[in-house]
N, C-alpha and C. Protein backbone atom coordinates (compact mmCIF):
# COMPACT_ATOMS: atom_id res chain seq x y z
N MET A 1 18.62 -18.42 45.75
CA MET A 1 19.37 -19.20 44.79
C MET A 1 19.37 -18.47 43.44
N ALA A 2 20.49 -18.44 42.80
CA ALA A 2 20.63 -17.73 41.52
C ALA A 2 19.95 -18.49 40.40
N ASN A 3 19.55 -17.75 39.41
CA ASN A 3 18.92 -18.32 38.22
C ASN A 3 19.97 -19.14 37.45
N PRO A 4 19.60 -20.33 36.95
CA PRO A 4 20.59 -21.16 36.25
C PRO A 4 21.12 -20.55 34.96
N ASN A 5 20.42 -19.57 34.39
CA ASN A 5 20.93 -18.95 33.16
C ASN A 5 21.97 -17.88 33.45
N GLY A 6 22.26 -17.65 34.73
CA GLY A 6 23.32 -16.71 35.09
C GLY A 6 22.91 -15.25 35.08
N LEU A 7 21.65 -14.95 34.88
CA LEU A 7 21.23 -13.55 34.80
C LEU A 7 20.86 -12.98 36.16
N ASN A 8 20.90 -13.82 37.19
CA ASN A 8 20.57 -13.40 38.55
C ASN A 8 19.19 -12.77 38.62
N ILE A 9 18.25 -13.36 37.89
CA ILE A 9 16.86 -12.91 37.90
C ILE A 9 16.07 -13.95 38.68
N ARG A 10 15.29 -13.47 39.62
CA ARG A 10 14.50 -14.38 40.44
C ARG A 10 13.03 -14.22 40.09
N ASN A 11 12.38 -15.34 39.87
CA ASN A 11 10.96 -15.35 39.59
C ASN A 11 10.28 -15.98 40.79
N THR A 12 9.65 -15.16 41.64
CA THR A 12 9.03 -15.68 42.84
C THR A 12 7.57 -16.04 42.62
N GLN A 13 7.02 -15.68 41.47
CA GLN A 13 5.62 -15.98 41.19
C GLN A 13 5.52 -17.14 40.22
N ARG A 14 4.56 -17.99 40.46
CA ARG A 14 4.29 -19.08 39.52
C ARG A 14 3.47 -18.53 38.36
N ASP A 15 3.70 -19.07 37.16
CA ASP A 15 2.91 -18.65 36.01
C ASP A 15 1.46 -19.08 36.19
N THR A 16 0.57 -18.20 35.80
CA THR A 16 -0.86 -18.51 35.85
C THR A 16 -1.23 -19.22 34.54
N PRO A 17 -2.39 -19.86 34.50
CA PRO A 17 -2.84 -20.48 33.24
C PRO A 17 -2.92 -19.46 32.10
N GLU A 18 -3.25 -18.21 32.42
CA GLU A 18 -3.33 -17.19 31.39
C GLU A 18 -1.95 -16.88 30.80
N VAL A 19 -0.93 -16.86 31.66
CA VAL A 19 0.43 -16.62 31.19
C VAL A 19 0.90 -17.80 30.35
N ASP A 20 0.62 -19.01 30.79
CA ASP A 20 0.99 -20.19 30.02
C ASP A 20 0.35 -20.17 28.64
N GLU A 21 -0.93 -19.81 28.57
CA GLU A 21 -1.64 -19.75 27.29
C GLU A 21 -1.06 -18.66 26.40
N ALA A 22 -0.74 -17.50 26.97
CA ALA A 22 -0.14 -16.41 26.18
C ALA A 22 1.20 -16.84 25.62
N GLU A 23 2.01 -17.55 26.41
CA GLU A 23 3.31 -18.02 25.93
C GLU A 23 3.14 -18.99 24.76
N ARG A 24 2.14 -19.86 24.84
CA ARG A 24 1.88 -20.79 23.73
C ARG A 24 1.48 -20.02 22.47
N LYS A 25 0.62 -19.02 22.62
CA LYS A 25 0.17 -18.24 21.47
C LYS A 25 1.33 -17.48 20.83
N VAL A 26 2.14 -16.83 21.65
CA VAL A 26 3.28 -16.06 21.13
C VAL A 26 4.27 -17.00 20.46
N GLY A 27 4.53 -18.15 21.08
CA GLY A 27 5.43 -19.13 20.47
C GLY A 27 4.93 -19.58 19.11
N GLY A 28 3.63 -19.79 18.98
CA GLY A 28 3.06 -20.18 17.70
C GLY A 28 3.21 -19.09 16.65
N LEU A 29 2.97 -17.85 17.05
CA LEU A 29 3.13 -16.73 16.12
C LEU A 29 4.57 -16.58 15.66
N LEU A 30 5.51 -16.73 16.59
CA LEU A 30 6.93 -16.63 16.21
C LEU A 30 7.32 -17.78 15.29
N GLY A 31 6.80 -18.96 15.54
CA GLY A 31 7.06 -20.10 14.65
C GLY A 31 6.52 -19.84 13.25
N ASP A 32 5.31 -19.29 13.16
CA ASP A 32 4.73 -18.95 11.86
C ASP A 32 5.57 -17.90 11.15
N LEU A 33 6.06 -16.90 11.88
CA LEU A 33 6.91 -15.86 11.30
C LEU A 33 8.18 -16.48 10.73
N GLU A 34 8.82 -17.37 11.50
CA GLU A 34 10.04 -18.01 11.02
C GLU A 34 9.78 -18.82 9.75
N GLU A 35 8.69 -19.54 9.72
CA GLU A 35 8.38 -20.37 8.56
C GLU A 35 8.07 -19.52 7.33
N SER A 36 7.29 -18.46 7.50
CA SER A 36 6.87 -17.66 6.35
C SER A 36 7.99 -16.79 5.80
N THR A 37 9.00 -16.47 6.63
CA THR A 37 10.09 -15.60 6.18
C THR A 37 11.41 -16.35 6.00
N ASP A 38 11.41 -17.65 6.24
CA ASP A 38 12.62 -18.48 6.16
C ASP A 38 13.74 -17.84 6.98
N SER A 39 13.43 -17.51 8.23
CA SER A 39 14.39 -16.87 9.11
C SER A 39 14.25 -17.45 10.51
N GLU A 40 15.12 -17.00 11.41
CA GLU A 40 15.05 -17.39 12.81
C GLU A 40 14.88 -16.14 13.67
N VAL A 41 13.99 -16.22 14.64
CA VAL A 41 13.82 -15.12 15.57
C VAL A 41 15.01 -15.12 16.51
N LYS A 42 15.73 -14.02 16.57
CA LYS A 42 16.92 -13.90 17.41
C LYS A 42 16.64 -13.15 18.69
N ASP A 43 15.68 -12.21 18.68
CA ASP A 43 15.43 -11.41 19.88
C ASP A 43 14.01 -10.88 19.83
N VAL A 44 13.38 -10.85 21.00
CA VAL A 44 12.06 -10.25 21.16
C VAL A 44 12.17 -9.28 22.33
N ASP A 45 11.79 -8.03 22.09
CA ASP A 45 11.89 -7.00 23.12
C ASP A 45 10.52 -6.36 23.29
N VAL A 46 10.02 -6.35 24.51
CA VAL A 46 8.74 -5.72 24.82
C VAL A 46 9.02 -4.47 25.64
N HIS A 47 8.41 -3.37 25.25
CA HIS A 47 8.60 -2.13 26.00
C HIS A 47 7.32 -1.31 25.93
N GLU A 48 7.24 -0.31 26.76
CA GLU A 48 6.08 0.57 26.78
C GLU A 48 6.37 1.84 26.00
N VAL A 49 5.36 2.29 25.26
CA VAL A 49 5.47 3.53 24.50
C VAL A 49 4.27 4.41 24.83
N VAL A 50 4.45 5.69 24.70
CA VAL A 50 3.35 6.64 24.92
C VAL A 50 2.74 6.97 23.58
N ASP A 51 1.43 6.82 23.49
CA ASP A 51 0.68 7.11 22.28
C ASP A 51 -0.46 8.04 22.68
N THR A 52 -1.32 8.38 21.75
CA THR A 52 -2.50 9.18 22.07
C THR A 52 -3.75 8.41 21.68
N ASP A 53 -4.82 8.62 22.45
CA ASP A 53 -6.08 7.97 22.12
C ASP A 53 -6.87 8.86 21.16
N ALA A 54 -8.11 8.50 20.86
CA ALA A 54 -8.94 9.23 19.90
C ALA A 54 -9.21 10.67 20.33
N GLN A 55 -9.17 10.93 21.64
CA GLN A 55 -9.42 12.28 22.14
C GLN A 55 -8.13 13.09 22.29
N GLY A 56 -6.99 12.50 21.92
CA GLY A 56 -5.72 13.20 22.02
C GLY A 56 -5.04 13.08 23.37
N ASN A 57 -5.59 12.25 24.24
CA ASN A 57 -5.00 12.05 25.57
C ASN A 57 -3.87 11.03 25.49
N PRO A 58 -2.82 11.22 26.29
CA PRO A 58 -1.73 10.24 26.27
C PRO A 58 -2.15 8.91 26.90
N VAL A 59 -1.71 7.84 26.28
CA VAL A 59 -1.94 6.48 26.81
C VAL A 59 -0.64 5.70 26.67
N VAL A 60 -0.41 4.81 27.59
CA VAL A 60 0.77 3.95 27.54
C VAL A 60 0.36 2.61 26.94
N LYS A 61 1.08 2.19 25.91
CA LYS A 61 0.80 0.92 25.22
C LYS A 61 2.05 0.06 25.20
N LYS A 62 1.85 -1.22 24.99
CA LYS A 62 2.97 -2.15 24.84
C LYS A 62 3.39 -2.17 23.38
N ALA A 63 4.68 -2.23 23.15
CA ALA A 63 5.22 -2.35 21.80
C ALA A 63 6.19 -3.52 21.79
N VAL A 64 6.28 -4.20 20.67
CA VAL A 64 7.15 -5.37 20.54
C VAL A 64 8.09 -5.16 19.35
N ASP A 65 9.37 -5.35 19.59
CA ASP A 65 10.37 -5.35 18.52
C ASP A 65 10.86 -6.78 18.36
N ILE A 66 10.81 -7.29 17.13
CA ILE A 66 11.26 -8.65 16.83
C ILE A 66 12.43 -8.57 15.87
N THR A 67 13.54 -9.19 16.24
CA THR A 67 14.72 -9.23 15.39
C THR A 67 14.83 -10.63 14.81
N VAL A 68 14.93 -10.71 13.47
CA VAL A 68 15.07 -12.01 12.81
C VAL A 68 16.38 -12.04 12.04
N GLU A 69 16.87 -13.23 11.82
CA GLU A 69 18.09 -13.43 11.03
C GLU A 69 17.75 -14.47 9.96
N HIS A 70 18.04 -14.12 8.70
CA HIS A 70 17.73 -15.04 7.61
C HIS A 70 18.60 -16.29 7.70
N ARG A 71 17.99 -17.41 7.43
CA ARG A 71 18.72 -18.67 7.45
C ARG A 71 19.60 -18.77 6.20
N PRO A 72 20.78 -19.35 6.35
CA PRO A 72 21.63 -19.53 5.15
C PRO A 72 20.98 -20.54 4.20
N LYS A 73 21.17 -20.31 2.92
CA LYS A 73 20.63 -21.22 1.91
C LYS A 73 21.39 -22.53 1.96
N LYS A 74 20.67 -23.61 1.82
CA LYS A 74 21.30 -24.94 1.83
C LYS A 74 21.76 -25.28 0.42
N GLY A 75 22.79 -26.09 0.35
CA GLY A 75 23.29 -26.51 -0.95
C GLY A 75 24.54 -25.76 -1.34
N TRP A 76 25.06 -26.06 -2.50
CA TRP A 76 26.29 -25.47 -2.99
C TRP A 76 26.03 -24.10 -3.59
N ALA A 77 26.92 -23.18 -3.31
CA ALA A 77 26.83 -21.85 -3.92
C ALA A 77 27.33 -21.94 -5.34
N ARG A 78 26.69 -21.20 -6.23
CA ARG A 78 27.09 -21.23 -7.64
C ARG A 78 27.54 -19.89 -8.09
């Protein structure tokens, strides 16, 4: 059965309690970001990047790009 959002992505695994907790934490952080910057989070992208450790060896790490859009000011423009 196709995904209702139309992306044809199938999730055959149920979320674990650890995944549920991580989603709550990330949601809270994004909410704090929106409040402190008076903006809305429009996109979150997670990808892997290659970095080096203290000994100069390559390591793969997760990186997150967050795109925000400032909220329009309320009230009449002057």
